[in-house]
């Protein structure tokens, strides 16, 4: 990164947003896994009790983590979309197009009209 400039890969931001949402979804499913362990599965009553205590504490923290991860994923996705939109609008302004892709004379500079 050059001093005073921000370089952002909008594709990376979008990918990060999708990935973070996937992580949050995986965390949501962990409570069922931990609840599946009972005394017969673990084999020892005290060990099962400790596992249950951990599971209960983990559920509280996991819920907070899920919300934070989802929020970060949404921010990354939204930022990627915003940077892409800004980049498109700056390009159009530099080449003399309005927001609809037409030049000052009302002609399209893209597609079949371009010569």
C-alpha atoms as a PDB file:
ATOM      1  CA  UNK A   1       0.000   0.000   0.000  1.00  0.00           C
ATOM      2  CA  UNK A   2       1.381   3.362  -1.015  1.00  0.00           C
ATOM      3  CA  UNK A   3       1.303   6.060   1.625  1.00  0.00           C
ATOM      4  CA  UNK A   4      -1.887   8.115   1.342  1.00  0.00           C
ATOM      5  CA  UNK A   5      -3.608   5.635  -0.973  1.00  0.00           C
ATOM      6  CA  UNK A   6      -6.006   2.841  -0.317  1.00  0.00           C
ATOM      7  CA  UNK A   7      -6.003  -0.188  -2.593  1.00  0.00           C
ATOM      8  CA  UNK A   8      -8.930  -2.519  -2.299  1.00  0.00           C
ATOM      9  CA  UNK A   9      -9.688  -5.703  -4.172  1.00  0.00           C
ATOM     10  CA  UNK A  10     -13.461  -5.659  -4.434  1.00  0.00           C
ATOM     11  CA  UNK A  11     -13.402  -9.318  -5.410  1.00  0.00           C
ATOM     12  CA  UNK A  12     -11.461 -10.152  -2.240  1.00  0.00           C
ATOM     13  CA  UNK A  13     -13.930  -8.177  -0.139  1.00  0.00           C
ATOM     14  CA  UNK A  14     -16.861 -10.020  -1.678  1.00  0.00           C
ATOM     15  CA  UNK A  15     -15.120 -13.379  -1.214  1.00  0.00           C
ATOM     16  CA  UNK A  16     -14.345 -12.527   2.408  1.00  0.00           C
ATOM     17  CA  UNK A  17     -17.969 -11.567   3.013  1.00  0.00           C
ATOM     18  CA  UNK A  18     -19.245 -14.854   1.601  1.00  0.00           C
ATOM     19  CA  UNK A  19     -16.604 -16.831   3.511  1.00  0.00           C
ATOM     20  CA  UNK A  20     -17.424 -15.172   6.807  1.00  0.00           C
ATOM     21  CA  UNK A  21     -21.100 -15.949   6.379  1.00  0.00           C
ATOM     22  CA  UNK A  22     -20.150 -19.587   5.746  1.00  0.00           C
ATOM     23  CA  UNK A  23     -18.101 -19.644   8.958  1.00  0.00           C
ATOM     24  CA  UNK A  24     -21.056 -18.209  10.877  1.00  0.00           C
ATOM     25  CA  UNK A  25     -23.337 -20.898   9.465  1.00  0.00           C
ATOM     26  CA  UNK A  26     -20.886 -23.611  10.523  1.00  0.00           C
ATOM     27  CA  UNK A  27     -20.707 -22.162  14.047  1.00  0.00           C
ATOM     28  CA  UNK A  28     -24.511 -22.232  14.224  1.00  0.00           C
ATOM     29  CA  UNK A  29     -24.485 -25.992  13.702  1.00  0.00           C
ATOM     30  CA  UNK A  30     -21.989 -26.744  16.473  1.00  0.00           C
ATOM     31  CA  UNK A  31     -24.576 -26.673  19.253  1.00  0.00           C
ATOM     32  CA  UNK A  32     -26.212 -29.817  17.868  1.00  0.00           C
ATOM     33  CA  UNK A  33     -22.858 -31.578  17.796  1.00  0.00           C
ATOM     34  CA  UNK A  34     -22.040 -30.763  21.421  1.00  0.00           C
ATOM     35  CA  UNK A  35     -25.548 -31.676  22.589  1.00  0.00           C
ATOM     36  CA  UNK A  36     -25.175 -35.130  21.007  1.00  0.00           C
ATOM     37  CA  UNK A  37     -22.574 -36.179  23.591  1.00  0.00           C
ATOM     38  CA  UNK A  38     -24.206 -37.830  26.560  1.00  0.00           C
ATOM     39  CA  UNK A  39     -22.835 -39.999  29.390  1.00  0.00           C
ATOM     40  CA  UNK A  40     -22.954 -43.173  27.275  1.00  0.00           C
ATOM     41  CA  UNK A  41     -21.043 -41.507  24.431  1.00  0.00           C
ATOM     42  CA  UNK A  42     -18.384 -39.957  26.667  1.00  0.00           C
ATOM     43  CA  UNK A  43     -18.184 -42.934  29.003  1.00  0.00           C
ATOM     44  CA  UNK A  44     -17.718 -41.052  32.276  1.00  0.00           C
ATOM     45  CA  UNK A  45     -20.265 -39.025  34.227  1.00  0.00           C
ATOM     46  CA  UNK A  46     -17.831 -36.329  35.430  1.00  0.00           C
ATOM     47  CA  UNK A  47     -16.340 -35.917  31.961  1.00  0.00           C
ATOM     48  CA  UNK A  48     -19.824 -35.589  30.477  1.00  0.00           C
ATOM     49  CA  UNK A  49     -20.729 -32.951  33.092  1.00  0.00           C
ATOM     50  CA  UNK A  50     -17.576 -30.946  32.283  1.00  0.00           C
ATOM     51  CA  UNK A  51     -18.312 -31.236  28.596  1.00  0.00           C
ATOM     52  CA  UNK A  52     -21.844 -29.984  29.220  1.00  0.00           C
ATOM     53  CA  UNK A  53     -20.523 -27.025  31.264  1.00  0.00           C
ATOM     54  CA  UNK A  54     -18.144 -26.169  28.451  1.00  0.00           C
ATOM     55  CA  UNK A  55     -20.953 -26.529  25.931  1.00  0.00           C
ATOM     56  CA  UNK A  56     -23.236 -24.190  27.886  1.00  0.00           C
ATOM     57  CA  UNK A  57     -20.516 -21.538  28.212  1.00  0.00           C
ATOM     58  CA  UNK A  58     -19.467 -22.018  24.614  1.00  0.00           C
ATOM     59  CA  UNK A  59     -23.050 -21.514  23.407  1.00  0.00           C
ATOM     60  CA  UNK A  60     -23.188 -18.052  24.991  1.00  0.00           C
ATOM     61  CA  UNK A  61     -19.881 -16.997  23.463  1.00  0.00           C
ATOM     62  CA  UNK A  62     -20.616 -18.731  20.173  1.00  0.00           C
ATOM     63  CA  UNK A  63     -23.810 -16.729  19.707  1.00  0.00           C
ATOM     64  CA  UNK A  64     -21.870 -13.489  20.180  1.00  0.00           C
ATOM     65  CA  UNK A  65     -19.192 -14.662  17.757  1.00  0.00           C
ATOM     66  CA  UNK A  66     -21.784 -15.644  15.151  1.00  0.00           C
ATOM     67  CA  UNK A  67     -23.371 -12.197  15.251  1.00  0.00           C
ATOM     68  CA  UNK A  68     -19.971 -10.483  14.985  1.00  0.00           C
ATOM     69  CA  UNK A  69     -18.863 -12.717  12.112  1.00  0.00           C
ATOM     70  CA  UNK A  70     -22.133 -12.175  10.239  1.00  0.00           C
ATOM     71  CA  UNK A  71     -21.821  -8.418  10.749  1.00  0.00           C
ATOM     72  CA  UNK A  72     -18.235  -8.376   9.508  1.00  0.00           C
ATOM     73  CA  UNK A  73     -19.222 -10.482   6.509  1.00  0.00           C
ATOM     74  CA  UNK A  74     -22.013  -8.083   5.628  1.00  0.00           C
ATOM     75  CA  UNK A  75     -19.694  -5.077   5.998  1.00  0.00           C
ATOM     76  CA  UNK A  76     -17.108  -6.691   3.701  1.00  0.00           C
ATOM     77  CA  UNK A  77     -19.737  -7.562   1.094  1.00  0.00           C
ATOM     78  CA  UNK A  78     -21.325  -4.102   1.218  1.00  0.00           C
ATOM     79  CA  UNK A  79     -17.933  -2.390   1.042  1.00  0.00           C
ATOM     80  CA  UNK A  80     -16.991  -4.443  -2.023  1.00  0.00           C
ATOM     81  CA  UNK A  81     -20.233  -3.461  -3.743  1.00  0.00           C
ATOM     82  CA  UNK A  82     -19.789   0.204  -2.803  1.00  0.00           C
ATOM     83  CA  UNK A  83     -16.197   0.327  -4.069  1.00  0.00           C
ATOM     84  CA  UNK A  84     -17.275  -1.290  -7.340  1.00  0.00           C
ATOM     85  CA  UNK A  85     -20.073   1.261  -7.783  1.00  0.00           C
ATOM     86  CA  UNK A  86     -17.745   4.180  -7.011  1.00  0.00           C
ATOM     87  CA  UNK A  87     -15.142   2.819  -9.415  1.00  0.00           C
ATOM     88  CA  UNK A  88     -17.757   2.471 -12.184  1.00  0.00           C
ATOM     89  CA  UNK A  89     -19.059   5.995 -11.609  1.00  0.00           C
ATOM     90  CA  UNK A  90     -15.550   7.472 -11.603  1.00  0.00           C
ATOM     91  CA  UNK A  91     -14.760   5.690 -14.862  1.00  0.00           C
ATOM     92  CA  UNK A  92     -17.937   6.996 -16.483  1.00  0.00           C
ATOM     93  CA  UNK A  93     -17.163  10.519 -15.281  1.00  0.00           C
ATOM     94  CA  UNK A  94     -13.644  10.320 -16.716  1.00  0.00           C
ATOM     95  CA  UNK A  95     -14.824   9.146 -20.139  1.00  0.00           C
ATOM     96  CA  UNK A  96     -17.718  11.615 -20.200  1.00  0.00           C
ATOM     97  CA  UNK A  97     -20.632   9.248 -19.647  1.00  0.00           C
ATOM     98  CA  UNK A  98     -23.634   9.844 -17.450  1.00  0.00           C
ATOM     99  CA  UNK A  99     -24.857   7.198 -14.994  1.00  0.00           C
ATOM    100  CA  UNK A 100     -26.793   5.478 -17.800  1.00  0.00           C
ATOM    101  CA  UNK A 101     -23.656   5.043 -19.943  1.00  0.00           C
ATOM    102  CA  UNK A 102     -24.509   7.770 -22.469  1.00  0.00           C
ATOM    103  CA  UNK A 103     -22.218  10.572 -23.594  1.00  0.00           C
ATOM    104  CA  UNK A 104     -23.113  14.273 -23.485  1.00  0.00           C
ATOM    105  CA  UNK A 105     -25.009  13.947 -26.804  1.00  0.00           C
ATOM    106  CA  UNK A 106     -27.240  11.182 -25.444  1.00  0.00           C
ATOM    107  CA  UNK A 107     -25.505   8.397 -27.391  1.00  0.00           C
ATOM    108  CA  UNK A 108     -24.451   5.160 -25.784  1.00  0.00           C
ATOM    109  CA  UNK A 109     -20.692   4.589 -25.635  1.00  0.00           C
ATOM    110  CA  UNK A 110     -21.109   0.867 -25.111  1.00  0.00           C
ATOM    111  CA  UNK A 111     -22.497  -1.998 -27.122  1.00  0.00           C
ATOM    112  CA  UNK A 112     -23.686  -1.618 -30.753  1.00  0.00           C
ATOM    113  CA  UNK A 113     -23.696   2.189 -30.782  1.00  0.00           C
ATOM    114  CA  UNK A 114     -19.948   2.379 -30.146  1.00  0.00           C
ATOM    115  CA  UNK A 115     -17.836   3.118 -33.255  1.00  0.00           C
END
